[in-house]
Amino acid sequence: MYHVSGPIFHALLPGGYEHYMLMGLPKEPQIYRSVKRVVPKVHGVRLTEGGCMWLHAVVSITKQHEGDGKNAILAAFSGHPSLKHVVVVDEDVNIYDDREVEWAIATRFQADRDLVIIPNARGSSLDPSAEKGLTAKWGIDATKPLDRGEEFVRVKLEN
């Protein structure tokens, strides 16, 4: 038995940011590997704070073929079955900046062609909106079309 004078006891409070971080962080590489199997150029995966670092993800890819965005969505769900919402963006979007991710959705996404909905899928036991363990999952392909890529380049101002 060891003894220390003035010990410090570290406790995690459930539902706090530290808890989210420790729970979700190991899932990012699993999602990355799963997406990499179907899209060769994956730049990053982020489980978002607003999604409790468990239910929502953003994935950055370089599209080589039309359909890569949707394949990345399906692969992300496969890599983390508790995932409920995923946004796939191009490599020019910083996945750690929510404004850039929203910008990509606002300028590169059309719901009638870029939204993937999977009804009645097994979800997370941590999702209070799920019913009998089932949820609807949805993915947003916010990548630019390959044949019109130049139309989606952001203007950068330099001083």
C-alpha atoms as a PDB file:
ATOM      1  CA  MET A   1       0.000   0.000   0.000  1.00  0.00           C
ATOM      2  CA  TYR A   2       1.248   3.481  -0.914  1.00  0.00           C
ATOM      3  CA  HIS A   3       0.636   6.614   1.086  1.00  0.00           C
ATOM      4  CA  VAL A   4       0.943  10.215  -0.034  1.00  0.00           C
ATOM      5  CA  SER A   5       0.569  13.304   2.136  1.00  0.00           C
ATOM      6  CA  GLY A   6      -2.017  15.733   0.737  1.00  0.00           C
ATOM      7  CA  PRO A   7      -3.358  13.441  -2.002  1.00  0.00           C
ATOM      8  CA  ILE A   8      -5.292  14.825  -4.954  1.00  0.00           C
ATOM      9  CA  PHE A   9      -8.286  12.840  -6.063  1.00  0.00           C
ATOM     10  CA  HIS A  10      -9.287  13.380  -9.685  1.00  0.00           C
ATOM     11  CA  ALA A  11     -12.933  12.655 -10.415  1.00  0.00           C
ATOM     12  CA  LEU A  12     -14.786  13.008 -13.662  1.00  0.00           C
ATOM     13  CA  LEU A  13     -18.234  14.504 -13.537  1.00  0.00           C
ATOM     14  CA  PRO A  14     -20.561  12.720 -15.935  1.00  0.00           C
ATOM     15  CA  GLY A  15     -21.900  14.863 -18.738  1.00  0.00           C
ATOM     16  CA  GLY A  16     -19.087  17.411 -18.551  1.00  0.00           C
ATOM     17  CA  TYR A  17     -16.658  18.343 -21.309  1.00  0.00           C
ATOM     18  CA  GLU A  18     -13.867  16.196 -19.845  1.00  0.00           C
ATOM     19  CA  HIS A  19     -16.195  13.194 -19.822  1.00  0.00           C
ATOM     20  CA  TYR A  20     -17.242  13.873 -23.424  1.00  0.00           C
ATOM     21  CA  MET A  21     -13.615  14.223 -24.463  1.00  0.00           C
ATOM     22  CA  LEU A  22     -12.473  10.961 -22.906  1.00  0.00           C
ATOM     23  CA  MET A  23     -15.499   9.088 -24.219  1.00  0.00           C
ATOM     24  CA  GLY A  24     -15.466  10.400 -27.789  1.00  0.00           C
ATOM     25  CA  LEU A  25     -11.792  10.858 -28.556  1.00  0.00           C
ATOM     26  CA  PRO A  26     -11.085   7.134 -29.117  1.00  0.00           C
ATOM     27  CA  LYS A  27     -13.962   6.950 -31.626  1.00  0.00           C
ATOM     28  CA  GLU A  28     -12.461   9.510 -34.028  1.00  0.00           C
ATOM     29  CA  PRO A  29      -9.718   7.138 -35.268  1.00  0.00           C
ATOM     30  CA  GLN A  30     -12.289   4.355 -35.691  1.00  0.00           C
ATOM     31  CA  ILE A  31     -14.433   6.594 -37.885  1.00  0.00           C
ATOM     32  CA  TYR A  32     -11.308   7.715 -39.763  1.00  0.00           C
ATOM     33  CA  ARG A  33     -10.300   4.113 -40.539  1.00  0.00           C
ATOM     34  CA  SER A  34     -13.798   3.196 -41.637  1.00  0.00           C
ATOM     35  CA  VAL A  35     -14.072   6.176 -44.014  1.00  0.00           C
ATOM     36  CA  LYS A  36     -10.526   5.594 -45.329  1.00  0.00           C
ATOM     37  CA  ARG A  37     -11.610   2.157 -46.563  1.00  0.00           C
ATOM     38  CA  VAL A  38     -14.044   3.765 -49.024  1.00  0.00           C
ATOM     39  CA  VAL A  39     -12.477   7.198 -49.690  1.00  0.00           C
ATOM     40  CA  PRO A  40      -8.668   7.126 -49.997  1.00  0.00           C
ATOM     41  CA  LYS A  41      -8.026  10.753 -49.004  1.00  0.00           C
ATOM     42  CA  VAL A  42      -9.401  11.474 -45.527  1.00  0.00           C
ATOM     43  CA  HIS A  43      -7.982  14.553 -43.810  1.00  0.00           C
ATOM     44  CA  GLY A  44      -9.654  14.434 -40.432  1.00  0.00           C
ATOM     45  CA  VAL A  45     -12.581  13.450 -38.248  1.00  0.00           C
ATOM     46  CA  ARG A  46     -14.061  15.463 -35.401  1.00  0.00           C
ATOM     47  CA  LEU A  47     -16.777  14.498 -32.968  1.00  0.00           C
ATOM     48  CA  THR A  48     -18.398  17.818 -32.117  1.00  0.00           C
ATOM     49  CA  GLU A  49     -18.938  19.343 -28.711  1.00  0.00           C
ATOM     50  CA  GLY A  50     -22.580  20.120 -29.528  1.00  0.00           C
ATOM     51  CA  GLY A  51     -23.162  16.442 -30.278  1.00  0.00           C
ATOM     52  CA  CYS A  52     -21.722  15.498 -26.857  1.00  0.00           C
ATOM     53  CA  MET A  53     -18.591  14.287 -28.665  1.00  0.00           C
ATOM     54  CA  TRP A  54     -20.552  11.123 -29.364  1.00  0.00           C
ATOM     55  CA  LEU A  55     -23.552  11.683 -31.628  1.00  0.00           C
ATOM     56  CA  HIS A  56     -22.364  14.216 -34.263  1.00  0.00           C
ATOM     57  CA  ALA A  57     -19.264  14.140 -36.469  1.00  0.00           C
ATOM     58  CA  VAL A  58     -17.584  16.158 -39.200  1.00  0.00           C
ATOM     59  CA  VAL A  59     -15.360  14.402 -41.744  1.00  0.00           C
ATOM     60  CA  SER A  60     -12.957  16.054 -44.200  1.00  0.00           C
ATOM     61  CA  ILE A  61     -12.167  14.273 -47.477  1.00  0.00           C
ATOM     62  CA  THR A  62     -10.791  14.914 -50.936  1.00  0.00           C
ATOM     63  CA  LYS A  63     -13.359  13.675 -53.410  1.00  0.00           C
ATOM     64  CA  GLN A  64     -12.028  11.687 -56.336  1.00  0.00           C
ATOM     65  CA  HIS A  65     -15.426  10.534 -57.619  1.00  0.00           C
ATOM     66  CA  GLU A  66     -18.965  11.807 -57.326  1.00  0.00           C
ATOM     67  CA  GLY A  67     -20.596   9.762 -54.596  1.00  0.00           C
ATOM     68  CA  ASP A  68     -17.518   9.805 -52.339  1.00  0.00           C
ATOM     69  CA  GLY A  69     -19.320  12.139 -49.930  1.00  0.00           C
ATOM     70  CA  LYS A  70     -22.252   9.774 -49.523  1.00  0.00           C
ATOM     71  CA  ASN A  71     -19.941   6.759 -49.201  1.00  0.00           C
ATOM     72  CA  ALA A  72     -18.046   8.629 -46.466  1.00  0.00           C
ATOM     73  CA  ILE A  73     -21.331   9.255 -44.628  1.00  0.00           C
ATOM     74  CA  LEU A  74     -22.269   5.572 -44.680  1.00  0.00           C
ATOM     75  CA  ALA A  75     -18.753   4.519 -43.661  1.00  0.00           C
ATOM     76  CA  ALA A  76     -18.773   6.967 -40.726  1.00  0.00           C
ATOM     77  CA  PHE A  77     -22.007   5.399 -39.452  1.00  0.00           C
ATOM     78  CA  SER A  78     -20.403   1.980 -39.833  1.00  0.00           C
ATOM     79  CA  GLY A  79     -17.276   3.077 -37.947  1.00  0.00           C
ATOM     80  CA  HIS A  80     -19.255   4.395 -34.964  1.00  0.00           C
ATOM     81  CA  PRO A  81     -22.736   2.815 -34.719  1.00  0.00           C
ATOM     82  CA  SER A  82     -23.863   5.333 -32.064  1.00  0.00           C
ATOM     83  CA  LEU A  83     -23.296   8.218 -34.484  1.00  0.00           C
ATOM     84  CA  LYS A  84     -26.506  10.019 -35.380  1.00  0.00           C
ATOM     85  CA  HIS A  85     -25.427  12.900 -37.632  1.00  0.00           C
ATOM     86  CA  VAL A  86     -22.410  13.357 -39.892  1.00  0.00           C
ATOM     87  CA  VAL A  87     -21.333  16.206 -42.155  1.00  0.00           C
ATOM     88  CA  VAL A  88     -18.764  15.520 -44.883  1.00  0.00           C
ATOM     89  CA  VAL A  89     -16.768  18.485 -46.202  1.00  0.00           C
ATOM     90  CA  ASP A  90     -13.892  19.136 -48.600  1.00  0.00           C
ATOM     91  CA  GLU A  91     -10.302  19.542 -47.456  1.00  0.00           C
ATOM     92  CA  ASP A  92     -10.492  23.355 -47.706  1.00  0.00           C
ATOM     93  CA  VAL A  93     -12.942  23.464 -44.776  1.00  0.00           C
ATOM     94  CA  ASN A  94     -11.527  23.514 -41.243  1.00  0.00           C
ATOM     95  CA  ILE A  95     -13.496  20.821 -39.394  1.00  0.00           C
ATOM     96  CA  TYR A  96     -12.537  22.385 -36.044  1.00  0.00           C
ATOM     97  CA  ASP A  97     -14.265  25.664 -36.925  1.00  0.00           C
ATOM     98  CA  ASP A  98     -18.066  25.412 -36.696  1.00  0.00           C
ATOM     99  CA  ARG A  99     -18.479  28.562 -38.802  1.00  0.00           C
ATOM    100  CA  GLU A 100     -16.548  27.003 -41.688  1.00  0.00           C
ATOM    101  CA  VAL A 101     -18.568  23.794 -41.439  1.00  0.00           C
ATOM    102  CA  GLU A 102     -21.811  25.787 -41.489  1.00  0.00           C
ATOM    103  CA  TRP A 103     -20.476  27.799 -44.428  1.00  0.00           C
ATOM    104  CA  ALA A 104     -19.871  24.564 -46.341  1.00  0.00           C
ATOM    105  CA  ILE A 105     -23.421  23.417 -45.603  1.00  0.00           C
ATOM    106  CA  ALA A 106     -24.842  26.800 -46.630  1.00  0.00           C
ATOM    107  CA  THR A 107     -22.926  26.982 -49.919  1.00  0.00           C
ATOM    108  CA  ARG A 108     -22.351  23.371 -51.021  1.00  0.00           C
ATOM    109  CA  PHE A 109     -25.380  21.417 -49.826  1.00  0.00           C
ATOM    110  CA  GLN A 110     -28.793  20.897 -51.422  1.00  0.00           C
ATOM    111  CA  ALA A 111     -31.208  18.816 -49.350  1.00  0.00           C
ATOM    112  CA  ASP A 112     -32.894  17.142 -52.312  1.00  0.00           C
ATOM    113  CA  ARG A 113     -29.647  15.596 -53.545  1.00  0.00           C
ATOM    114  CA  ASP A 114     -27.082  15.733 -50.707  1.00  0.00           C
ATOM    115  CA  LEU A 115     -29.049  14.540 -47.668  1.00  0.00           C
ATOM    116  CA  VAL A 116     -28.840  10.899 -46.585  1.00  0.00           C
ATOM    117  CA  ILE A 117     -31.490   9.708 -44.122  1.00  0.00           C
ATOM    118  CA  ILE A 118     -31.449   6.270 -42.548  1.00  0.00           C
ATOM    119  CA  PRO A 119     -34.679   5.641 -40.610  1.00  0.00           C
ATOM    120  CA  ASN A 120     -35.094   3.088 -37.818  1.00  0.00           C
ATOM    121  CA  ALA A 121     -31.401   2.396 -37.279  1.00  0.00           C
ATOM    122  CA  ARG A 122     -29.868   1.171 -34.052  1.00  0.00           C
ATOM    123  CA  GLY A 123     -28.619   4.198 -32.180  1.00  0.00           C
ATOM    124  CA  SER A 124     -26.929   5.173 -28.958  1.00  0.00           C
ATOM    125  CA  SER A 125     -28.337   4.261 -25.567  1.00  0.00           C
ATOM    126  CA  LEU A 126     -27.270   7.796 -24.591  1.00  0.00           C
ATOM    127  CA  ASP A 127     -29.708   9.398 -27.040  1.00  0.00           C
ATOM    128  CA  PRO A 128     -32.875  10.331 -25.131  1.00  0.00           C
ATOM    129  CA  SER A 129     -34.776  10.922 -28.389  1.00  0.00           C
ATOM    130  CA  ALA A 130     -34.312   7.322 -29.548  1.00  0.00           C
ATOM    131  CA  GLU A 131     -37.295   5.003 -29.179  1.00  0.00           C
ATOM    132  CA  LYS A 132     -36.677   1.375 -28.227  1.00  0.00           C
ATOM    133  CA  GLY A 133     -33.033   1.834 -29.210  1.00  0.00           C
ATOM    134  CA  LEU A 134     -33.926   3.015 -32.729  1.00  0.00           C
ATOM    135  CA  THR A 135     -33.155   6.414 -34.195  1.00  0.00           C
ATOM    136  CA  ALA A 136     -33.035   8.169 -37.535  1.00  0.00           C
ATOM    137  CA  LYS A 137     -29.529   8.914 -38.753  1.00  0.00           C
ATOM    138  CA  TRP A 138     -28.766  11.641 -41.242  1.00  0.00           C
ATOM    139  CA  GLY A 139     -25.764  12.750 -43.173  1.00  0.00           C
ATOM    140  CA  ILE A 140     -24.989  15.899 -45.102  1.00  0.00           C
ATOM    141  CA  ASP A 141     -22.713  15.783 -48.126  1.00  0.00           C
ATOM    142  CA  ALA A 142     -21.363  19.348 -48.102  1.00  0.00           C
ATOM    143  CA  THR A 143     -18.673  18.682 -50.704  1.00  0.00           C
ATOM    144  CA  LYS A 144     -18.434  20.605 -53.950  1.00  0.00           C
ATOM    145  CA  PRO A 145     -19.251  18.909 -57.260  1.00  0.00           C
ATOM    146  CA  LEU A 146     -16.115  17.787 -59.073  1.00  0.00           C
ATOM    147  CA  ASP A 147     -17.140  19.340 -62.387  1.00  0.00           C
ATOM    148  CA  ARG A 148     -17.913  22.755 -60.843  1.00  0.00           C
ATOM    149  CA  GLY A 149     -15.254  23.022 -58.154  1.00  0.00           C
ATOM    150  CA  GLU A 150     -14.004  26.454 -59.219  1.00  0.00           C
ATOM    151  CA  GLU A 151     -17.461  27.928 -58.523  1.00  0.00           C
ATOM    152  CA  PHE A 152     -17.114  27.023 -54.844  1.00  0.00           C
ATOM    153  CA  VAL A 153     -13.731  28.525 -54.048  1.00  0.00           C
ATOM    154  CA  ARG A 154     -13.814  31.102 -51.242  1.00  0.00           C
ATOM    155  CA  VAL A 155     -12.428  34.534 -51.886  1.00  0.00           C
ATOM    156  CA  LYS A 156      -9.488  35.301 -49.612  1.00  0.00           C
ATOM    157  CA  LEU A 157      -8.638  38.874 -48.792  1.00  0.00           C
ATOM    158  CA  GLU A 158      -5.042  39.744 -48.109  1.00  0.00           C
ATOM    159  CA  ASN A 159      -3.840  42.840 -46.307  1.00  0.00           C
END
